[in-house]
């Protein structure tokens, strides 16, 4: 099986550089995604606890503050991680250089302007929408061009998810601009479930290989094609049902089916050596938290005391948040010439803080519902601390040239 991301063999040496942020897509996008995760969550918390409103009703009368927050996490933070990952992965899939230098700077600028406007001046929504959609379309073109050139049609499944995410982003802005009344609802479910789906597709390709090569014991992990197909069909059916009929019993059945089948797959991927390797147990725990999210989602239709927001945050913090952190931590080491088997010691704290944030946001409201606001504060604090620590530790790794002197 062809790995999703390969470490390129050493090639000709380049002149010594001191700053390498624009050498490859993962560098600026991973740093900016982590920094934005801190900034956006801080802004959201100041508004949530009425310290400073990040979004006033007058600024965007057609969008609620919670929809603004969800959009910036799914289409701001997560899309930046996707951009950095794909611009790096596609270069390895195809052998064709992806955006770097000034074109990469231009793509990053489109993303950064959109995020800045949404954060500082959301009333200028047309400006944010324009730059955000240019960013989306430019990324699609940058990723599709090398894939089509070398005819790697198997990668079109990943590319199609980016296209659908772009359509979801467009739907959000149609409501923000007052053109539709339900675009944001559709956009946020598309963003959430497609991000989760993309994570599950990528993890199916890479995690077994990572585990086999990363643990001390000899292990060969098993996969079943029927599970892969079942998961993708159920995920597609769930999203379609939510956006159309929204039949509760069907949502519950599909959520439970996804949780059980993905859980069975993860059980087959387990080996004790995982727990000695932070870059493996973090990924593995994130996938289990995604499974827990689907279980909670199914249960929310059967137990009225379990609000669906708990499932949403289990997916968002524990699934998207933790797995993107684990992936960024690993890719940044491998693609800067460092040893992925000896990551910075602080990564265990980074991952632990995000797991703490997930459990605080999900478990505490179930056990002690009267402490709901405390659960939000603890979760946000864990999130902010985790991404702050990652940004501090990985800034020199991502901004400096590869330690082996090769391009990238």
Protein backbone atom coordinates (compact mmCIF):
# COMPACT_ATOMS: atom_id res chain seq x y z
CA UNK A 1 0.00 0.00 0.00
CA UNK A 2 1.34 3.44 -0.91
CA UNK A 3 1.69 5.56 2.24
CA UNK A 4 -0.13 8.86 2.31
CA UNK A 5 2.94 10.84 3.29
CA UNK A 6 6.42 9.59 2.56
CA UNK A 7 9.65 11.15 3.67
CA UNK A 8 11.46 12.16 0.51
CA UNK A 9 15.01 10.81 0.11
CA UNK A 10 17.83 13.32 0.45
CA UNK A 11 18.60 15.20 -2.74
CA UNK A 12 20.97 17.98 -3.70
CA UNK A 13 21.95 20.40 -0.97
CA UNK A 14 20.72 23.98 -1.12
CA UNK A 15 22.43 27.16 0.08
CA UNK A 16 22.09 27.68 3.83
CA UNK A 17 18.83 29.36 4.82
CA UNK A 18 17.79 30.84 8.11
CA UNK A 19 14.06 31.15 7.46
CA UNK A 20 12.09 28.45 5.68
CA UNK A 21 8.46 29.21 6.47
CA UNK A 22 7.45 29.44 2.80
CA UNK A 23 9.29 26.32 1.60
CA UNK A 24 6.29 23.97 1.78
CA UNK A 25 2.62 24.22 2.70
CA UNK A 26 2.70 22.49 6.07
CA UNK A 27 5.01 25.12 7.58
CA UNK A 28 2.87 28.31 7.53
CA UNK A 29 -0.50 26.59 7.67
CA UNK A 30 0.29 24.44 10.69
CA UNK A 31 1.69 27.40 12.61
CA UNK A 32 -1.17 29.71 11.67
CA UNK A 33 -3.80 27.05 12.39
CA UNK A 34 -2.40 26.52 15.89
CA UNK A 35 -2.12 30.24 16.57
CA UNK A 36 -5.62 30.87 15.26
CA UNK A 37 -6.97 28.04 17.43
CA UNK A 38 -5.73 29.99 20.44
CA UNK A 39 -6.88 33.41 19.25
CA UNK A 40 -10.32 32.37 18.04
CA UNK A 41 -11.11 30.32 21.15
CA UNK A 42 -10.00 33.18 23.38
CA UNK A 43 -12.27 35.57 21.50
CA UNK A 44 -15.15 33.12 21.77
CA UNK A 45 -14.67 32.69 25.52
CA UNK A 46 -14.60 36.43 26.16
CA UNK A 47 -17.94 36.66 24.40
CA UNK A 48 -19.39 33.54 26.04
CA UNK A 49 -18.62 34.87 29.52
CA UNK A 50 -19.66 38.40 28.46
CA UNK A 51 -16.24 39.92 28.96
CA UNK A 52 -16.06 41.25 25.39
CA UNK A 53 -18.43 40.40 22.52
CA UNK A 54 -16.52 38.82 19.60
CA UNK A 55 -19.62 39.13 17.44
CA UNK A 56 -22.42 41.59 18.07
CA UNK A 57 -25.93 40.97 16.70
CA UNK A 58 -25.61 44.21 14.73
CA UNK A 59 -22.47 42.98 12.95
CA UNK A 60 -24.05 39.84 11.49
CA UNK A 61 -27.79 39.81 12.17
CA UNK A 62 -28.35 36.63 10.16
CA UNK A 63 -25.68 34.58 11.99
CA UNK A 64 -25.65 33.66 15.68
CA UNK A 65 -22.44 33.91 17.74
CA UNK A 66 -22.34 30.11 18.12
CA UNK A 67 -22.58 29.70 14.33
CA UNK A 68 -19.74 32.20 13.92
CA UNK A 69 -17.64 30.20 16.41
CA UNK A 70 -18.37 26.86 14.73
CA UNK A 71 -17.61 28.26 11.27
CA UNK A 72 -14.24 29.64 12.34
CA UNK A 73 -13.27 26.32 13.89
CA UNK A 74 -14.40 24.15 10.96
CA UNK A 75 -13.69 26.40 7.98
CA UNK A 76 -10.92 28.49 9.52
CA UNK A 77 -8.79 26.33 11.81
CA UNK A 78 -9.50 22.90 10.32
CA UNK A 79 -9.29 24.06 6.69
CA UNK A 80 -5.84 25.53 7.36
CA UNK A 81 -4.62 22.18 8.69
CA UNK A 82 -6.11 20.43 5.65
CA UNK A 83 -4.36 22.90 3.33
CA UNK A 84 -0.98 22.36 4.96
CA UNK A 85 -1.40 18.61 4.98
CA UNK A 86 -2.54 18.26 1.37
CA UNK A 87 0.02 20.63 -0.12
CA UNK A 88 2.66 18.44 1.53
CA UNK A 89 1.06 15.06 0.84
CA UNK A 90 0.33 15.77 -2.83
CA UNK A 91 3.98 16.64 -3.42
CA UNK A 92 4.89 13.17 -2.14
CA UNK A 93 2.06 11.37 -3.94
CA UNK A 94 2.88 12.87 -7.31
CA UNK A 95 6.52 13.96 -7.15
CA UNK A 96 5.43 17.41 -8.38
CA UNK A 97 6.31 20.51 -6.38
CA UNK A 98 3.24 22.16 -4.83
CA UNK A 99 2.90 25.83 -3.87
CA UNK A 100 5.92 27.42 -2.26
CA UNK A 101 7.48 30.85 -2.03
CA UNK A 102 5.32 33.75 -3.17
CA UNK A 103 2.36 31.66 -4.44
CA UNK A 104 2.19 29.95 -1.04
CA UNK A 105 2.38 33.35 0.64
CA UNK A 106 -0.54 34.49 -1.52
CA UNK A 107 -2.66 31.49 -0.54
CA UNK A 108 -1.86 32.01 3.14
CA UNK A 109 -2.72 35.72 2.81
CA UNK A 110 -6.21 34.90 1.48
CA UNK A 111 -6.85 32.64 4.47
CA UNK A 112 -5.41 35.15 6.95
CA UNK A 113 -7.40 38.11 5.59
CA UNK A 114 -10.65 36.14 5.78
CA UNK A 115 -9.93 35.09 9.36
CA UNK A 116 -8.92 38.61 10.39
CA UNK A 117 -12.10 40.13 8.98
CA UNK A 118 -14.30 37.49 10.65
CA UNK A 119 -12.53 38.14 13.95
CA UNK A 120 -12.15 41.91 13.94
CA UNK A 121 -14.75 43.29 11.52
CA UNK A 122 -17.40 40.60 10.85
CA UNK A 123 -19.72 43.25 9.51
CA UNK A 124 -17.54 43.29 6.37
CA UNK A 125 -18.77 39.81 5.56
CA UNK A 126 -18.50 40.23 1.78
CA UNK A 127 -14.75 40.87 2.12
CA UNK A 128 -14.34 37.77 4.31
CA UNK A 129 -16.41 35.64 1.95
CA UNK A 130 -14.46 36.77 -1.10
CA UNK A 131 -11.03 36.01 0.34
CA UNK A 132 -12.19 32.79 2.00
CA UNK A 133 -13.66 31.36 -1.21
CA UNK A 134 -10.62 32.43 -3.24
CA UNK A 135 -8.53 30.52 -0.69
CA UNK A 136 -10.76 27.44 -1.07
CA UNK A 137 -10.75 27.48 -4.88
CA UNK A 138 -7.02 28.21 -5.11
CA UNK A 139 -6.32 25.26 -2.80
CA UNK A 140 -8.49 22.95 -4.91
CA UNK A 141 -6.64 23.99 -8.06
CA UNK A 142 -3.22 23.66 -6.40
CA UNK A 143 -4.02 20.15 -5.19
CA UNK A 144 -5.93 18.93 -8.26
CA UNK A 145 -3.38 20.02 -10.87
CA UNK A 146 -0.56 17.61 -9.91
CA UNK A 147 -3.00 14.77 -9.15
CA UNK A 148 -4.58 15.03 -12.60
CA UNK A 149 -1.22 15.52 -14.31
CA UNK A 150 0.11 12.17 -13.07
CA UNK A 151 -3.35 10.53 -13.25
CA UNK A 152 -3.52 9.44 -9.61
CA UNK A 153 -7.26 8.99 -9.75
CA UNK A 154 -7.40 7.19 -6.40
CA UNK A 155 -6.70 10.54 -4.71
CA UNK A 156 -9.83 12.12 -6.16
CA UNK A 157 -11.84 10.83 -3.21
CA UNK A 158 -9.86 13.07 -0.87
CA UNK A 159 -10.06 15.96 -3.33
CA UNK A 160 -13.85 15.57 -3.60
CA UNK A 161 -14.19 16.18 0.14
CA UNK A 162 -12.35 19.47 -0.23
CA UNK A 163 -14.74 20.46 -3.01
CA UNK A 164 -17.76 19.64 -0.82
CA UNK A 165 -16.23 21.58 2.08
CA UNK A 166 -15.92 24.56 -0.24
CA UNK A 167 -19.59 24.21 -1.13
CA UNK A 168 -20.41 24.11 2.57
CA UNK A 169 -18.40 27.27 3.15
CA UNK A 170 -20.30 28.96 0.35
CA UNK A 171 -23.59 27.90 1.95
CA UNK A 172 -22.55 29.55 5.22
CA UNK A 173 -21.83 32.84 3.51
CA UNK A 174 -25.16 32.81 1.67
CA UNK A 175 -26.88 33.04 5.07
CA UNK A 176 -24.31 35.48 6.46
CA UNK A 177 -25.05 37.76 3.50
CA UNK A 178 -28.81 37.36 4.01
CA UNK A 179 -29.40 35.43 0.80
CA UNK A 180 -30.71 32.26 2.49
CA UNK A 181 -32.22 31.41 5.86
CA UNK A 182 -30.76 27.94 6.48
CA UNK A 183 -27.34 27.96 4.81
CA UNK A 184 -25.37 28.08 8.05
CA UNK A 185 -27.12 25.01 9.47
CA UNK A 186 -26.24 22.99 6.38
CA UNK A 187 -22.72 24.40 6.24
CA UNK A 188 -21.85 23.49 9.81
CA UNK A 189 -23.06 19.91 9.52
CA UNK A 190 -21.22 19.55 6.21
CA UNK A 191 -18.07 20.99 7.76
CA UNK A 192 -18.26 18.80 10.86
CA UNK A 193 -19.04 15.47 9.24
CA UNK A 194 -16.79 15.95 6.20
CA UNK A 195 -13.86 16.82 8.46
CA UNK A 196 -14.57 13.69 10.49
CA UNK A 197 -14.94 11.65 7.29
CA UNK A 198 -11.65 12.98 5.92
CA UNK A 199 -9.90 12.04 9.17
CA UNK A 200 -11.34 8.52 9.01
CA UNK A 201 -10.27 8.07 5.37
CA UNK A 202 -6.74 9.28 6.03
CA UNK A 203 -6.40 7.27 9.24
CA UNK A 204 -7.45 4.14 7.34
CA UNK A 205 -4.53 4.70 4.97
CA UNK A 206 -1.79 5.68 7.38
CA UNK A 207 -2.42 4.63 10.98
CA UNK A 208 -1.87 0.87 10.52
CA UNK A 209 1.43 1.62 8.77
CA UNK A 210 2.43 4.11 11.49
CA UNK A 211 1.69 1.54 14.19
CA UNK A 212 3.49 -1.33 12.45
CA UNK A 213 6.60 0.81 11.99
CA UNK A 214 6.39 2.67 15.29
CA UNK A 215 6.01 -0.01 17.97
CA UNK A 216 8.76 -2.24 19.29
CA UNK A 217 6.88 -5.51 18.86
CA UNK A 218 6.39 -7.23 15.51
CA UNK A 219 2.80 -6.70 14.45
CA UNK A 220 0.74 -6.94 11.28
CA UNK A 221 -2.57 -5.12 11.52
CA UNK A 222 -5.70 -6.25 9.77
CA UNK A 223 -8.13 -4.23 7.70
CA UNK A 224 -11.42 -5.20 6.15
CA UNK A 225 -12.68 -3.55 2.97
CA UNK A 226 -16.30 -4.10 3.99
CA UNK A 227 -15.81 -1.93 7.09
CA UNK A 228 -14.32 0.87 4.99
CA UNK A 229 -17.25 0.77 2.55
CA UNK A 230 -19.83 0.53 5.35
CA UNK A 231 -18.39 3.54 7.15
CA UNK A 232 -18.33 5.73 4.06
CA UNK A 233 -21.88 4.76 3.06
CA UNK A 234 -23.19 5.37 6.58
CA UNK A 235 -21.40 8.71 6.89
CA UNK A 236 -22.82 9.88 3.56
CA UNK A 237 -26.30 8.64 4.49
CA UNK A 238 -26.13 10.36 7.88
CA UNK A 239 -25.18 13.71 6.38
CA UNK A 240 -27.87 13.46 3.69
CA UNK A 241 -30.51 12.54 6.28
CA UNK A 242 -29.53 15.43 8.57
CA UNK A 243 -29.75 17.90 5.68
CA UNK A 244 -33.04 16.57 4.30
CA UNK A 245 -35.62 14.54 6.25
CA UNK A 246 -33.64 14.45 9.52
CA UNK A 247 -35.42 11.26 10.62
CA UNK A 248 -34.36 10.73 14.23
CA UNK A 249 -34.49 6.93 14.27
CA UNK A 250 -32.37 6.77 11.13
CA UNK A 251 -29.85 9.19 12.66
CA UNK A 252 -29.65 6.98 15.74
CA UNK A 253 -29.21 3.76 13.73
CA UNK A 254 -26.56 5.25 11.48
CA UNK A 255 -24.67 6.81 14.39
CA UNK A 256 -24.65 3.52 16.29
CA UNK A 257 -23.59 1.56 13.19
CA UNK A 258 -20.66 3.90 12.57
CA UNK A 259 -19.56 3.75 16.20
CA UNK A 260 -19.66 -0.04 16.41
CA UNK A 261 -18.03 -0.76 13.04
CA UNK A 262 -15.28 1.84 13.47
CA UNK A 263 -14.75 0.61 17.03
CA UNK A 264 -14.27 -2.94 15.75
CA UNK A 265 -11.70 -1.68 13.26
CA UNK A 266 -9.82 0.19 15.99
CA UNK A 267 -9.86 -2.88 18.23
CA UNK A 268 -8.14 -4.80 15.43
CA UNK A 269 -5.52 -2.06 15.19
CA UNK A 270 -4.63 -2.18 18.86
CA UNK A 271 -1.27 -3.39 20.12
CA UNK A 272 0.21 -2.62 23.56
CA UNK A 273 3.22 -0.81 22.12
CA UNK A 274 0.98 2.09 21.07
CA UNK A 275 0.91 3.42 24.62
CA UNK A 276 4.67 3.96 24.68
CA UNK A 277 4.62 6.27 21.64
CA UNK A 278 2.87 9.68 22.04
CA UNK A 279 2.53 10.19 18.28
CA UNK A 280 0.58 6.93 18.11
CA UNK A 281 -1.57 6.93 21.26
CA UNK A 282 -2.71 10.49 20.54
CA UNK A 283 -3.96 9.49 17.09
CA UNK A 284 -5.52 6.31 18.44
CA UNK A 285 -7.30 8.13 21.29
CA UNK A 286 -8.60 10.74 18.87
CA UNK A 287 -10.24 8.05 16.73
CA UNK A 288 -11.84 6.51 19.81
CA UNK A 289 -13.20 9.93 20.77
CA UNK A 290 -14.73 10.21 17.30
CA UNK A 291 -16.39 6.85 17.96
CA UNK A 292 -17.64 8.11 21.32
CA UNK A 293 -19.09 11.10 19.49
CA UNK A 294 -21.12 8.86 17.19
CA UNK A 295 -22.30 6.82 20.19
CA UNK A 296 -23.38 9.99 22.03
CA UNK A 297 -25.07 11.24 18.88
CA UNK A 298 -27.13 8.06 18.62
CA UNK A 299 -27.90 8.16 22.34
CA UNK A 300 -29.11 11.78 22.16
CA UNK A 301 -32.20 10.59 20.24
CA UNK A 302 -32.97 7.95 22.87
CA UNK A 303 -32.09 9.82 26.08
CA UNK A 304 -33.44 13.39 26.24
CA UNK A 305 -30.96 14.34 29.00
CA UNK A 306 -28.07 13.90 26.55
CA UNK A 307 -28.01 16.98 24.30
CA UNK A 308 -26.50 16.57 20.84
CA UNK A 309 -24.03 19.36 21.58
CA UNK A 310 -22.01 16.88 23.66
CA UNK A 311 -21.53 14.63 20.61
CA UNK A 312 -20.62 17.64 18.49
CA UNK A 313 -17.87 18.72 20.89
CA UNK A 314 -16.61 15.17 21.26
CA UNK A 315 -16.10 15.11 17.48
CA UNK A 316 -14.74 18.64 17.32
CA UNK A 317 -12.32 18.74 20.28
CA UNK A 318 -11.37 15.09 20.71
CA UNK A 319 -11.60 14.05 17.07
CA UNK A 320 -10.70 16.98 14.84
CA UNK A 321 -8.64 18.85 17.44
CA UNK A 322 -6.59 15.97 18.85
CA UNK A 323 -5.95 14.20 15.55
CA UNK A 324 -4.94 17.37 13.73
CA UNK A 325 -2.50 18.11 16.56
CA UNK A 326 -1.07 14.60 16.35
CA UNK A 327 -0.75 14.82 12.58
CA UNK A 328 0.83 18.28 12.66
CA UNK A 329 3.31 17.14 15.30
CA UNK A 330 4.35 14.11 13.25
CA UNK A 331 4.42 15.72 9.79
CA UNK A 332 6.40 18.70 11.07
CA UNK A 333 9.12 16.41 12.44
CA UNK A 334 9.32 14.09 9.45
CA UNK A 335 9.32 16.82 6.82
CA UNK A 336 11.99 18.89 8.54
CA UNK A 337 14.41 15.95 8.65
CA UNK A 338 13.89 15.16 12.33
CA UNK A 339 13.36 11.78 13.95
CA UNK A 340 9.64 11.07 14.37
CA UNK A 341 10.47 8.51 17.04
CA UNK A 342 11.93 11.16 19.36
CA UNK A 343 9.43 14.04 19.40
CA UNK A 344 9.72 16.91 21.89
CA UNK A 345 8.81 15.69 25.37
CA UNK A 346 6.16 18.37 25.64
CA UNK A 347 3.94 16.71 23.00
CA UNK A 348 2.57 14.37 25.66
CA UNK A 349 1.39 17.44 27.59
CA UNK A 350 -0.09 18.92 24.41
CA UNK A 351 -2.12 15.78 23.72
CA UNK A 352 -3.04 15.29 27.38
CA UNK A 353 -4.39 18.84 27.63
CA UNK A 354 -6.65 18.30 24.65
CA UNK A 355 -7.95 14.99 25.99
CA UNK A 356 -8.64 16.80 29.28
CA UNK A 357 -10.51 19.49 27.33
CA UNK A 358 -12.64 16.87 25.56
CA UNK A 359 -13.54 14.98 28.73
CA UNK A 360 -14.31 18.23 30.56
CA UNK A 361 -16.66 19.39 27.81
CA UNK A 362 -18.39 16.03 27.40
CA UNK A 363 -18.29 14.16 30.71
CA UNK A 364 -18.81 16.95 33.25
CA UNK A 365 -22.18 18.11 31.82
CA UNK A 366 -23.42 14.52 31.87
CA UNK A 367 -22.33 13.87 35.46
CA UNK A 368 -22.88 17.33 36.94
CA UNK A 369 -25.14 19.37 34.62
CA UNK A 370 -25.25 22.26 37.10
CA UNK A 371 -21.56 22.86 36.32
CA UNK A 372 -22.12 23.30 32.58
CA UNK A 373 -20.42 26.70 32.38
CA UNK A 374 -17.46 25.32 34.31
CA UNK A 375 -17.16 22.52 31.76
CA UNK A 376 -16.99 25.10 28.98
CA UNK A 377 -14.31 27.07 30.82
CA UNK A 378 -12.19 23.98 31.53
CA UNK A 379 -12.49 22.74 27.95
CA UNK A 380 -11.55 26.12 26.48
CA UNK A 381 -8.63 26.44 28.90
CA UNK A 382 -7.31 23.00 27.93
CA UNK A 383 -7.69 23.81 24.22
CA UNK A 384 -5.93 27.17 24.51
CA UNK A 385 -3.10 25.71 26.63
CA UNK A 386 -2.56 22.79 24.22
CA UNK A 387 -2.33 24.89 21.07
CA UNK A 388 -0.27 27.59 22.79
CA UNK A 389 2.29 25.01 23.87
CA UNK A 390 2.33 23.45 20.40
CA UNK A 391 2.91 26.85 18.77
CA UNK A 392 5.80 27.67 21.11
CA UNK A 393 7.50 24.29 20.74
CA UNK A 394 7.01 23.93 16.97
CA UNK A 395 7.75 27.50 15.87
CA UNK A 396 11.50 26.86 15.48
CA UNK A 397 10.84 23.46 13.87
CA UNK A 398 8.46 24.88 11.27
CA UNK A 399 10.25 28.15 10.56
CA UNK A 400 13.82 26.87 10.21
CA UNK A 401 15.21 24.84 7.26
CA UNK A 402 15.40 21.07 7.32
CA UNK A 403 18.23 19.89 9.52
CA UNK A 404 19.57 17.67 6.72
CA UNK A 405 19.90 20.63 4.34
CA UNK A 406 17.54 19.21 1.71
CA UNK A 407 14.61 21.13 0.14
CA UNK A 408 11.26 21.31 1.89
